[in-house]
C-alpha atoms as a PDB file:
ATOM      1  CA  MET A   1     -16.059 -28.678 -24.141  1.00  0.00           C
ATOM      2  CA  ARG A   2     -16.528 -29.889 -20.609  1.00  0.00           C
ATOM      3  CA  TRP A   3     -14.367 -28.317 -17.876  1.00  0.00           C
ATOM      4  CA  TRP A   4     -12.628 -31.580 -17.018  1.00  0.00           C
ATOM      5  CA  TYR A   5     -11.248 -32.166 -20.541  1.00  0.00           C
ATOM      6  CA  GLY A   6      -8.567 -29.547 -19.927  1.00  0.00           C
ATOM      7  CA  TRP A   7      -7.766 -31.118 -16.589  1.00  0.00           C
ATOM      8  CA  VAL A   8      -7.420 -34.621 -18.115  1.00  0.00           C
ATOM      9  CA  ILE A   9      -5.219 -33.335 -20.950  1.00  0.00           C
ATOM     10  CA  GLY A  10      -3.025 -31.473 -18.439  1.00  0.00           C
ATOM     11  CA  LEU A  11      -2.722 -34.598 -16.315  1.00  0.00           C
ATOM     12  CA  LEU A  12      -1.742 -36.713 -19.310  1.00  0.00           C
ATOM     13  CA  LEU A  13       0.816 -34.163 -20.476  1.00  0.00           C
ATOM     14  CA  SER A  14       2.389 -33.884 -17.020  1.00  0.00           C
ATOM     15  CA  GLY A  15       2.765 -37.680 -16.992  1.00  0.00           C
ATOM     16  CA  LEU A  16       4.460 -37.567 -20.382  1.00  0.00           C
ATOM     17  CA  VAL A  17       7.106 -35.090 -19.245  1.00  0.00           C
ATOM     18  CA  GLY A  18       7.953 -37.157 -16.167  1.00  0.00           C
ATOM     19  CA  CYS A  19       6.411 -35.095 -13.397  1.00  0.00           C
ATOM     20  CA  ARG A  20       5.944 -36.825 -10.097  1.00  0.00           C
ATOM     21  CA  GLU A  21       2.689 -35.926  -8.481  1.00  0.00           C
ATOM     22  CA  ALA A  22       3.070 -35.142  -4.803  1.00  0.00           C
ATOM     23  CA  SER A  23       0.480 -35.989  -2.222  1.00  0.00           C
ATOM     24  CA  PRO A  24      -2.178 -33.376  -1.650  1.00  0.00           C
ATOM     25  CA  GLY A  25      -0.871 -30.207  -0.097  1.00  0.00           C
ATOM     26  CA  PRO A  26      -1.258 -26.483  -0.353  1.00  0.00           C
ATOM     27  CA  THR A  27      -2.719 -24.869  -3.440  1.00  0.00           C
ATOM     28  CA  PRO A  28      -0.028 -23.896  -5.984  1.00  0.00           C
ATOM     29  CA  ALA A  29       0.357 -20.354  -7.235  1.00  0.00           C
ATOM     30  CA  ALA A  30      -0.997 -19.585 -10.690  1.00  0.00           C
ATOM     31  CA  GLY A  31       1.242 -20.618 -13.590  1.00  0.00           C
ATOM     32  CA  GLU A  32       2.733 -23.782 -12.055  1.00  0.00           C
ATOM     33  CA  GLY A  33       2.321 -25.808 -15.296  1.00  0.00           C
ATOM     34  CA  GLU A  34       5.435 -26.650 -17.255  1.00  0.00           C
ATOM     35  CA  LYS A  35       7.818 -25.253 -14.635  1.00  0.00           C
ATOM     36  CA  VAL A  36       7.184 -28.289 -12.424  1.00  0.00           C
ATOM     37  CA  ALA A  37       8.580 -30.648 -15.061  1.00  0.00           C
ATOM     38  CA  ALA A  38      12.030 -29.006 -14.923  1.00  0.00           C
ATOM     39  CA  PHE A  39      12.227 -28.711 -11.143  1.00  0.00           C
ATOM     40  CA  ARG A  40      14.049 -31.793  -9.807  1.00  0.00           C
ATOM     41  CA  LEU A  41      15.198 -32.946  -6.366  1.00  0.00           C
ATOM     42  CA  SER A  42      17.808 -35.696  -6.039  1.00  0.00           C
ATOM     43  CA  SER A  43      20.412 -37.129  -3.690  1.00  0.00           C
ATOM     44  CA  PRO A  44      23.828 -38.593  -4.470  1.00  0.00           C
ATOM     45  CA  ALA A  45      23.189 -41.003  -1.544  1.00  0.00           C
ATOM     46  CA  PHE A  46      20.053 -42.725  -2.913  1.00  0.00           C
ATOM     47  CA  GLY A  47      17.766 -42.637  -5.933  1.00  0.00           C
ATOM     48  CA  HIS A  48      14.019 -42.132  -6.092  1.00  0.00           C
ATOM     49  CA  GLY A  49      12.326 -45.268  -4.761  1.00  0.00           C
ATOM     50  CA  GLN A  50      15.636 -46.704  -3.535  1.00  0.00           C
ATOM     51  CA  PRO A  51      16.736 -47.594   0.020  1.00  0.00           C
ATOM     52  CA  ILE A  52      18.021 -44.769   2.203  1.00  0.00           C
ATOM     53  CA  PRO A  53      21.481 -45.696   3.559  1.00  0.00           C
ATOM     54  CA  LYS A  54      21.561 -46.599   7.254  1.00  0.00           C
ATOM     55  CA  ARG A  55      23.870 -43.667   8.122  1.00  0.00           C
ATOM     56  CA  TYR A  56      20.913 -41.264   7.574  1.00  0.00           C
ATOM     57  CA  THR A  57      18.615 -43.184   9.967  1.00  0.00           C
ATOM     58  CA  CYS A  58      18.157 -43.644  13.713  1.00  0.00           C
ATOM     59  CA  GLU A  59      19.980 -46.976  13.396  1.00  0.00           C
ATOM     60  CA  GLY A  60      23.028 -45.212  11.971  1.00  0.00           C
ATOM     61  CA  GLU A  61      24.458 -41.742  12.553  1.00  0.00           C
ATOM     62  CA  ASP A  62      21.105 -39.989  11.913  1.00  0.00           C
ATOM     63  CA  LEU A  63      22.800 -37.585   9.503  1.00  0.00           C
ATOM     64  CA  ILE A  64      21.013 -35.201   7.163  1.00  0.00           C
ATOM     65  CA  PRO A  65      21.370 -36.765   3.706  1.00  0.00           C
ATOM     66  CA  PRO A  66      22.911 -34.739   0.902  1.00  0.00           C
ATOM     67  CA  LEU A  67      20.271 -33.237  -1.391  1.00  0.00           C
ATOM     68  CA  GLN A  68      20.469 -31.145  -4.549  1.00  0.00           C
ATOM     69  CA  TRP A  69      17.984 -29.533  -6.870  1.00  0.00           C
ATOM     70  CA  GLU A  70      17.869 -27.948 -10.284  1.00  0.00           C
ATOM     71  CA  GLY A  71      15.405 -26.206 -12.541  1.00  0.00           C
ATOM     72  CA  THR A  72      14.422 -23.561 -10.008  1.00  0.00           C
ATOM     73  CA  PRO A  73      11.543 -21.624 -11.572  1.00  0.00           C
ATOM     74  CA  PRO A  74      11.890 -17.891 -12.259  1.00  0.00           C
ATOM     75  CA  GLY A  75      10.521 -15.779  -9.442  1.00  0.00           C
ATOM     76  CA  THR A  76      11.584 -18.187  -6.682  1.00  0.00           C
ATOM     77  CA  GLN A  77      12.427 -16.244  -3.536  1.00  0.00           C
ATOM     78  CA  SER A  78      12.752 -19.130  -1.069  1.00  0.00           C
ATOM     79  CA  PHE A  79      12.313 -22.869  -0.610  1.00  0.00           C
ATOM     80  CA  VAL A  80      10.490 -25.103   1.854  1.00  0.00           C
ATOM     81  CA  LEU A  81      11.601 -28.690   2.480  1.00  0.00           C
ATOM     82  CA  ILE A  82       9.427 -31.231   4.276  1.00  0.00           C
ATOM     83  CA  MET A  83      10.376 -34.848   4.979  1.00  0.00           C
ATOM     84  CA  ASP A  84       7.692 -37.202   6.240  1.00  0.00           C
ATOM     85  CA  ASP A  85       6.689 -40.848   6.491  1.00  0.00           C
ATOM     86  CA  PRO A  86       3.073 -41.511   5.450  1.00  0.00           C
ATOM     87  CA  ASP A  87       3.428 -45.192   6.417  1.00  0.00           C
ATOM     88  CA  ALA A  88       3.911 -44.599  10.160  1.00  0.00           C
ATOM     89  CA  PRO A  89       1.521 -46.673  12.304  1.00  0.00           C
ATOM     90  CA  MET A  90      -0.089 -43.611  13.926  1.00  0.00           C
ATOM     91  CA  GLY A  91      -0.423 -41.574  10.734  1.00  0.00           C
ATOM     92  CA  THR A  92       2.039 -39.414   8.818  1.00  0.00           C
ATOM     93  CA  TRP A  93       5.188 -38.797  10.851  1.00  0.00           C
ATOM     94  CA  ASP A  94       7.032 -35.535  10.230  1.00  0.00           C
ATOM     95  CA  HIS A  95      10.800 -36.001  10.253  1.00  0.00           C
ATOM     96  CA  TRP A  96      12.090 -32.627   9.087  1.00  0.00           C
ATOM     97  CA  ILE A  97      10.567 -29.258   8.221  1.00  0.00           C
ATOM     98  CA  VAL A  98      12.738 -26.405   6.943  1.00  0.00           C
ATOM     99  CA  TYR A  99      11.340 -23.144   5.574  1.00  0.00           C
ATOM    100  CA  ASP A 100      12.648 -19.741   4.483  1.00  0.00           C
ATOM    101  CA  ILE A 101      15.593 -21.440   2.741  1.00  0.00           C
ATOM    102  CA  PRO A 102      17.125 -18.690   0.562  1.00  0.00           C
ATOM    103  CA  ALA A 103      16.566 -18.969  -3.189  1.00  0.00           C
ATOM    104  CA  THR A 104      20.341 -18.980  -3.732  1.00  0.00           C
ATOM    105  CA  VAL A 105      20.618 -22.405  -2.056  1.00  0.00           C
ATOM    106  CA  THR A 106      20.514 -25.349  -4.495  1.00  0.00           C
ATOM    107  CA  SER A 107      21.936 -28.132  -2.359  1.00  0.00           C
ATOM    108  CA  ILE A 108      22.316 -29.420   1.170  1.00  0.00           C
ATOM    109  CA  ARG A 109      25.584 -31.018   2.188  1.00  0.00           C
ATOM    110  CA  GLU A 110      25.572 -34.203   4.221  1.00  0.00           C
ATOM    111  CA  ALA A 111      25.073 -33.574   7.947  1.00  0.00           C
ATOM    112  CA  THR A 112      24.718 -29.816   7.314  1.00  0.00           C
ATOM    113  CA  PRO A 113      21.387 -28.091   7.878  1.00  0.00           C
ATOM    114  CA  PRO A 114      20.528 -25.500   5.234  1.00  0.00           C
ATOM    115  CA  PRO A 115      20.070 -21.855   6.178  1.00  0.00           C
ATOM    116  CA  GLY A 116      16.475 -21.080   7.083  1.00  0.00           C
ATOM    117  CA  ARG A 117      14.078 -21.826   9.908  1.00  0.00           C
ATOM    118  CA  VAL A 118      13.360 -25.295  11.238  1.00  0.00           C
ATOM    119  CA  GLY A 119       9.871 -26.447  12.122  1.00  0.00           C
ATOM    120  CA  ARG A 120       8.861 -28.851  14.856  1.00  0.00           C
ATOM    121  CA  ASN A 121       8.890 -32.516  13.813  1.00  0.00           C
ATOM    122  CA  SER A 122       6.707 -35.273  15.238  1.00  0.00           C
ATOM    123  CA  TRP A 123       9.256 -35.911  18.003  1.00  0.00           C
ATOM    124  CA  GLY A 124       8.693 -32.314  19.118  1.00  0.00           C
ATOM    125  CA  LYS A 125      12.208 -31.270  18.042  1.00  0.00           C
ATOM    126  CA  THR A 126      13.404 -28.566  15.680  1.00  0.00           C
ATOM    127  CA  ALA A 127      15.937 -30.774  13.934  1.00  0.00           C
ATOM    128  CA  TYR A 128      16.294 -33.521  11.352  1.00  0.00           C
ATOM    129  CA  GLY A 129      15.098 -36.903  12.580  1.00  0.00           C
ATOM    130  CA  GLY A 130      16.022 -39.711  10.227  1.00  0.00           C
ATOM    131  CA  PRO A 131      13.963 -42.749   9.281  1.00  0.00           C
ATOM    132  CA  CYS A 132      13.168 -44.858  12.325  1.00  0.00           C
ATOM    133  CA  PRO A 133      10.290 -47.216  11.486  1.00  0.00           C
ATOM    134  CA  PRO A 134       9.177 -50.103  13.646  1.00  0.00           C
ATOM    135  CA  PRO A 135      10.287 -53.557  12.465  1.00  0.00           C
ATOM    136  CA  GLY A 136       8.274 -54.712   9.475  1.00  0.00           C
ATOM    137  CA  PRO A 137       7.744 -53.681   5.884  1.00  0.00           C
ATOM    138  CA  ALA A 138       9.672 -50.796   4.345  1.00  0.00           C
ATOM    139  CA  HIS A 139       8.360 -47.294   4.895  1.00  0.00           C
ATOM    140  CA  ARG A 140       8.373 -44.539   2.293  1.00  0.00           C
ATOM    141  CA  TYR A 141      10.120 -41.297   3.199  1.00  0.00           C
ATOM    142  CA  PHE A 142       9.162 -38.297   1.088  1.00  0.00           C
ATOM    143  CA  PHE A 143      11.398 -35.267   0.766  1.00  0.00           C
ATOM    144  CA  ARG A 144       9.165 -32.555  -0.755  1.00  0.00           C
ATOM    145  CA  LEU A 145      10.752 -29.350  -1.963  1.00  0.00           C
ATOM    146  CA  TYR A 146       8.612 -26.287  -2.728  1.00  0.00           C
ATOM    147  CA  ALA A 147       9.801 -23.256  -4.718  1.00  0.00           C
ATOM    148  CA  VAL A 148       8.079 -20.267  -3.128  1.00  0.00           C
ATOM    149  CA  ASP A 149       7.367 -16.779  -4.524  1.00  0.00           C
ATOM    150  CA  ILE A 150       7.967 -14.959  -1.207  1.00  0.00           C
ATOM    151  CA  PRO A 151      11.239 -14.705   0.761  1.00  0.00           C
ATOM    152  CA  SER A 152       9.690 -15.672   4.110  1.00  0.00           C
ATOM    153  CA  LEU A 153       6.599 -17.454   5.375  1.00  0.00           C
ATOM    154  CA  ASN A 154       6.653 -15.091   8.370  1.00  0.00           C
ATOM    155  CA  LEU A 155       6.507 -17.971  10.818  1.00  0.00           C
ATOM    156  CA  PRO A 156       8.621 -18.294  13.962  1.00  0.00           C
ATOM    157  CA  GLU A 157      11.210 -21.018  14.422  1.00  0.00           C
ATOM    158  CA  GLY A 158       9.510 -24.260  15.464  1.00  0.00           C
ATOM    159  CA  ALA A 159       6.298 -23.883  13.456  1.00  0.00           C
ATOM    160  CA  GLU A 160       4.150 -26.994  12.991  1.00  0.00           C
ATOM    161  CA  LYS A 161       3.856 -28.573   9.528  1.00  0.00           C
ATOM    162  CA  GLU A 162       0.191 -27.568   9.250  1.00  0.00           C
ATOM    163  CA  ASP A 163       1.130 -23.906   9.814  1.00  0.00           C
ATOM    164  CA  VAL A 164       3.869 -24.139   7.178  1.00  0.00           C
ATOM    165  CA  LEU A 165       1.485 -25.715   4.652  1.00  0.00           C
ATOM    166  CA  GLN A 166      -1.132 -23.051   5.358  1.00  0.00           C
ATOM    167  CA  ALA A 167       1.445 -20.252   4.908  1.00  0.00           C
ATOM    168  CA  LEU A 168       2.430 -21.820   1.563  1.00  0.00           C
ATOM    169  CA  GLU A 169      -1.114 -21.515   0.182  1.00  0.00           C
ATOM    170  CA  GLY A 170      -1.014 -19.567  -3.087  1.00  0.00           C
ATOM    171  CA  HIS A 171       2.777 -19.079  -2.993  1.00  0.00           C
ATOM    172  CA  ILE A 172       4.058 -22.311  -4.581  1.00  0.00           C
ATOM    173  CA  LEU A 173       5.693 -21.816  -7.962  1.00  0.00           C
ATOM    174  CA  ALA A 174       6.671 -25.490  -8.258  1.00  0.00           C
ATOM    175  CA  GLN A 175       7.211 -28.571  -6.161  1.00  0.00           C
ATOM    176  CA  THR A 176       9.205 -31.740  -6.555  1.00  0.00           C
ATOM    177  CA  GLU A 177       9.863 -34.783  -4.432  1.00  0.00           C
ATOM    178  CA  LEU A 178      12.333 -37.529  -3.756  1.00  0.00           C
ATOM    179  CA  MET A 179      11.130 -40.722  -2.102  1.00  0.00           C
ATOM    180  CA  GLY A 180      13.440 -43.144  -0.334  1.00  0.00           C
ATOM    181  CA  LEU A 181      12.696 -46.424   1.440  1.00  0.00           C
ATOM    182  CA  TYR A 182      13.843 -47.728   4.775  1.00  0.00           C
ATOM    183  CA  GLN A 183      13.112 -50.984   6.592  1.00  0.00           C
ATOM    184  CA  ARG A 184      14.293 -52.361   9.917  1.00  0.00           C
END
């Protein structure tokens, strides 16, 4: 049997159980498999593929949207959350990077940052920066949540996204995403 048969079968099975494939990122830890299917990120403010309400954008109050997750895989010791816009005119724009979120956290209340460390976004700030696209077609905003098998990435406050992704290499138990749209 050729090596890629197993890969194709795995891909087909993950599609059948409703997994959303995230954009390329760090290499997952061994044993990701079926755990990814149960790990889900959602928001009571907007659904996957739906518009993000104005209050969570630069045109509104620029509040952190409420988020919640379930199906945390066994062995999770922390979470990493990254929000970015791959449709930005100058390349992917990082809006929010939070790492070392304790494994006991399963939700984020509106306007309330989770415990953990905050990385530097594309504005050069260590804070949430809501959707703020130029006028034109809707942009996609991805909230990617990683379940991590270590309690800390051992990075200082204000780390860049690339450093966070590199520190995640080999430590991801599962990942999930929520994508919202915003248009000016």
